[in-house]
Amino acid sequence: MFYAMNRFRVVRGMEDDFEEMWRNRDSQLDKVEGFVSFRLLRGDPAEDHTPYISHSIWRDRAAFEGWTRSPYFRRAHATAGEAKPMYLGGPRFEGFDTVLEG
């Protein structure tokens, strides 16, 4: 399995808008070969931001990379620039391959 995460620092007061944007997105992840699951996680607020992580699980790294080259990915991210005022800096990507499971 491959775990793909983007960390976001959302400006305080913009949390509802950020969550609504994710609720209404047209990701079409369920149409992508190798997609397993998705979650949006919210952390404890800091003074100037609330941390979020978009967390997706894939069959393997190749399936995730296929998603990033797909027309579904381009459609899902077409309006990403419009959300920029909600963030402190850009999202930070982290990818992890499963080493042990049990």
C-alpha atoms as a PDB file:
ATOM      1  CA  MET A   1       0.000   0.000   0.000  1.00  0.00           C
ATOM      2  CA  PHE A   2       1.004   3.602  -0.601  1.00  0.00           C
ATOM      3  CA  TYR A   3      -0.165   6.472   1.610  1.00  0.00           C
ATOM      4  CA  ALA A   4      -0.298   9.955   0.074  1.00  0.00           C
ATOM      5  CA  MET A   5      -0.756  12.965   2.335  1.00  0.00           C
ATOM      6  CA  ASN A   6      -0.888  16.695   1.779  1.00  0.00           C
ATOM      7  CA  ARG A   7      -0.527  18.887   4.840  1.00  0.00           C
ATOM      8  CA  PHE A   8      -2.345  22.215   4.820  1.00  0.00           C
ATOM      9  CA  ARG A   9      -2.118  25.143   7.240  1.00  0.00           C
ATOM     10  CA  VAL A  10      -5.544  26.785   6.959  1.00  0.00           C
ATOM     11  CA  VAL A  11      -5.906  30.373   8.157  1.00  0.00           C
ATOM     12  CA  ARG A  12      -7.989  30.560  11.336  1.00  0.00           C
ATOM     13  CA  GLY A  13     -11.590  31.428  10.498  1.00  0.00           C
ATOM     14  CA  MET A  14     -11.395  29.743   7.055  1.00  0.00           C
ATOM     15  CA  GLU A  15     -11.960  26.185   8.313  1.00  0.00           C
ATOM     16  CA  ASP A  16     -15.621  25.966   7.274  1.00  0.00           C
ATOM     17  CA  ASP A  17     -14.812  27.227   3.761  1.00  0.00           C
ATOM     18  CA  PHE A  18     -11.902  24.782   3.445  1.00  0.00           C
ATOM     19  CA  GLU A  19     -13.990  21.816   4.577  1.00  0.00           C
ATOM     20  CA  GLU A  20     -16.879  22.811   2.304  1.00  0.00           C
ATOM     21  CA  MET A  21     -14.495  23.032  -0.654  1.00  0.00           C
ATOM     22  CA  TRP A  22     -13.410  19.431   0.006  1.00  0.00           C
ATOM     23  CA  ARG A  23     -16.993  18.242   0.514  1.00  0.00           C
ATOM     24  CA  ASN A  24     -18.025  19.643  -2.863  1.00  0.00           C
ATOM     25  CA  ARG A  25     -14.970  18.631  -4.876  1.00  0.00           C
ATOM     26  CA  ASP A  26     -15.355  16.391  -7.914  1.00  0.00           C
ATOM     27  CA  SER A  27     -12.382  14.112  -7.245  1.00  0.00           C
ATOM     28  CA  GLN A  28     -13.619  11.038  -9.124  1.00  0.00           C
ATOM     29  CA  LEU A  29     -11.092   9.022  -7.116  1.00  0.00           C
ATOM     30  CA  ASP A  30     -13.414   6.041  -7.177  1.00  0.00           C
ATOM     31  CA  LYS A  31     -12.841   5.835 -10.954  1.00  0.00           C
ATOM     32  CA  VAL A  32      -9.056   5.517 -10.605  1.00  0.00           C
ATOM     33  CA  GLU A  33      -7.456   2.070 -10.711  1.00  0.00           C
ATOM     34  CA  GLY A  34      -5.723   1.280  -7.425  1.00  0.00           C
ATOM     35  CA  PHE A  35      -7.532   3.847  -5.242  1.00  0.00           C
ATOM     36  CA  VAL A  36      -8.452   2.433  -1.809  1.00  0.00           C
ATOM     37  CA  SER A  37      -9.726   5.257   0.420  1.00  0.00           C
ATOM     38  CA  PHE A  38      -9.640   8.973   1.255  1.00  0.00           C
ATOM     39  CA  ARG A  39      -9.962  10.990   4.454  1.00  0.00           C
ATOM     40  CA  LEU A  40      -9.639  14.676   5.314  1.00  0.00           C
ATOM     41  CA  LEU A  41      -8.187  15.076   8.803  1.00  0.00           C
ATOM     42  CA  ARG A  42      -8.287  18.193  11.014  1.00  0.00           C
ATOM     43  CA  GLY A  43      -5.803  18.804  13.821  1.00  0.00           C
ATOM     44  CA  ASP A  44      -5.868  21.042  16.863  1.00  0.00           C
ATOM     45  CA  PRO A  45      -5.828  24.762  15.999  1.00  0.00           C
ATOM     46  CA  ALA A  46      -2.649  26.775  16.453  1.00  0.00           C
ATOM     47  CA  GLU A  47      -2.612  30.539  16.998  1.00  0.00           C
ATOM     48  CA  ASP A  48      -2.617  31.437  13.279  1.00  0.00           C
ATOM     49  CA  HIS A  49      -3.850  28.288  11.527  1.00  0.00           C
ATOM     50  CA  THR A  50      -5.617  24.939  11.774  1.00  0.00           C
ATOM     51  CA  PRO A  51      -3.699  21.958  10.395  1.00  0.00           C
ATOM     52  CA  TYR A  52      -5.373  19.584   7.948  1.00  0.00           C
ATOM     53  CA  ILE A  53      -4.163  16.499   6.129  1.00  0.00           C
ATOM     54  CA  SER A  54      -5.693  15.027   2.989  1.00  0.00           C
ATOM     55  CA  HIS A  55      -4.948  11.323   3.321  1.00  0.00           C
ATOM     56  CA  SER A  56      -5.408   8.800   0.531  1.00  0.00           C
ATOM     57  CA  ILE A  57      -4.498   5.137   0.365  1.00  0.00           C
ATOM     58  CA  TRP A  58      -3.500   3.439  -2.873  1.00  0.00           C
ATOM     59  CA  ARG A  59      -2.764  -0.140  -3.926  1.00  0.00           C
ATOM     60  CA  ASP A  60       0.837   0.920  -4.594  1.00  0.00           C
ATOM     61  CA  ARG A  61       2.955   3.921  -5.539  1.00  0.00           C
ATOM     62  CA  ALA A  62       2.418   3.260  -9.261  1.00  0.00           C
ATOM     63  CA  ALA A  63      -1.366   3.587  -8.833  1.00  0.00           C
ATOM     64  CA  PHE A  64      -0.921   6.934  -7.057  1.00  0.00           C
ATOM     65  CA  GLU A  65       1.474   8.204  -9.718  1.00  0.00           C
ATOM     66  CA  GLY A  66      -1.013   7.114 -12.389  1.00  0.00           C
ATOM     67  CA  TRP A  67      -3.656   9.248 -10.650  1.00  0.00           C
ATOM     68  CA  THR A  68      -1.350  12.290 -10.729  1.00  0.00           C
ATOM     69  CA  ARG A  69      -1.036  11.939 -14.517  1.00  0.00           C
ATOM     70  CA  SER A  70      -4.736  11.313 -15.138  1.00  0.00           C
ATOM     71  CA  PRO A  71      -7.406  13.662 -16.504  1.00  0.00           C
ATOM     72  CA  TYR A  72      -9.271  13.075 -13.198  1.00  0.00           C
ATOM     73  CA  PHE A  73      -6.349  14.629 -11.303  1.00  0.00           C
ATOM     74  CA  ARG A  74      -6.284  17.664 -13.615  1.00  0.00           C
ATOM     75  CA  ARG A  75     -10.051  18.168 -13.187  1.00  0.00           C
ATOM     76  CA  ALA A  76      -9.887  17.761  -9.409  1.00  0.00           C
ATOM     77  CA  HIS A  77      -7.107  20.366  -9.150  1.00  0.00           C
ATOM     78  CA  ALA A  78      -8.288  22.800 -11.845  1.00  0.00           C
ATOM     79  CA  THR A  79      -9.462  25.403  -9.320  1.00  0.00           C
ATOM     80  CA  ALA A  80      -6.829  24.762  -6.631  1.00  0.00           C
ATOM     81  CA  GLY A  81      -5.316  28.234  -7.063  1.00  0.00           C
ATOM     82  CA  GLU A  82      -8.585  29.859  -5.997  1.00  0.00           C
ATOM     83  CA  ALA A  83      -8.139  28.445  -2.477  1.00  0.00           C
ATOM     84  CA  LYS A  84      -4.716  30.036  -1.986  1.00  0.00           C
ATOM     85  CA  PRO A  85      -5.986  32.806   0.369  1.00  0.00           C
ATOM     86  CA  MET A  86      -7.092  30.062   2.797  1.00  0.00           C
ATOM     87  CA  TYR A  87      -3.537  28.772   3.338  1.00  0.00           C
ATOM     88  CA  LEU A  88      -0.384  29.802   5.112  1.00  0.00           C
ATOM     89  CA  GLY A  89       2.023  28.645   2.413  1.00  0.00           C
ATOM     90  CA  GLY A  90       1.274  25.813   0.027  1.00  0.00           C
ATOM     91  CA  PRO A  91       0.394  22.231   0.831  1.00  0.00           C
ATOM     92  CA  ARG A  92       3.278  19.920   1.764  1.00  0.00           C
ATOM     93  CA  PHE A  93       3.166  16.472   0.171  1.00  0.00           C
ATOM     94  CA  GLU A  94       4.378  13.331   1.934  1.00  0.00           C
ATOM     95  CA  GLY A  95       4.245   9.833   0.447  1.00  0.00           C
ATOM     96  CA  PHE A  96       4.832   6.570   2.295  1.00  0.00           C
ATOM     97  CA  ASP A  97       5.229   2.976   1.186  1.00  0.00           C
ATOM     98  CA  THR A  98       4.038   0.268   3.579  1.00  0.00           C
ATOM     99  CA  VAL A  99       6.992  -1.530   5.156  1.00  0.00           C
ATOM    100  CA  LEU A 100       5.261  -3.632   7.840  1.00  0.00           C
ATOM    101  CA  GLU A 101       1.643  -4.484   8.354  1.00  0.00           C
ATOM    102  CA  GLY A 102      -0.001  -6.518  11.045  1.00  0.00           C
END
